[in-house]
Amino acid sequence: MTKTFKTELAGIGIKAVDLHLAETARRIALDSLRQAYATYCTKKGWGFIERTSPEWAEMQAANTKQYQALKDAKAKEYNARRRLRTACKPFVGAA
């Protein structure tokens, strides 16, 4: 194996770890949002609420910080996955 090949493979490994970390961060952000929604519903004394209801909109408005964190985490995960795929292309063809 050439030094360049080893370096490229090491780069792929780093990108794979980055993707794993991004996936974990997205799962944590999703759990945080779900917990925030559950806490809000409990405080309000609500059970199940429809997504199209005014209560849902109120709950979302009260938890915009957690929702934005989830959106950011999803974007980072997408970008990490894209970077890994791009790095792997020379080794697996045009897949």
Foldseek 3Di string as FASTA:
>chain_A
DDPVVVVLVVVLVVLVVQLVVLVVQLVVLVVVLVVQLVVVCVVVVHDDDDCPDPVVVVSCVVPVVSVVSNVVSVVSNVVSVVVSCVSCCVVPPND
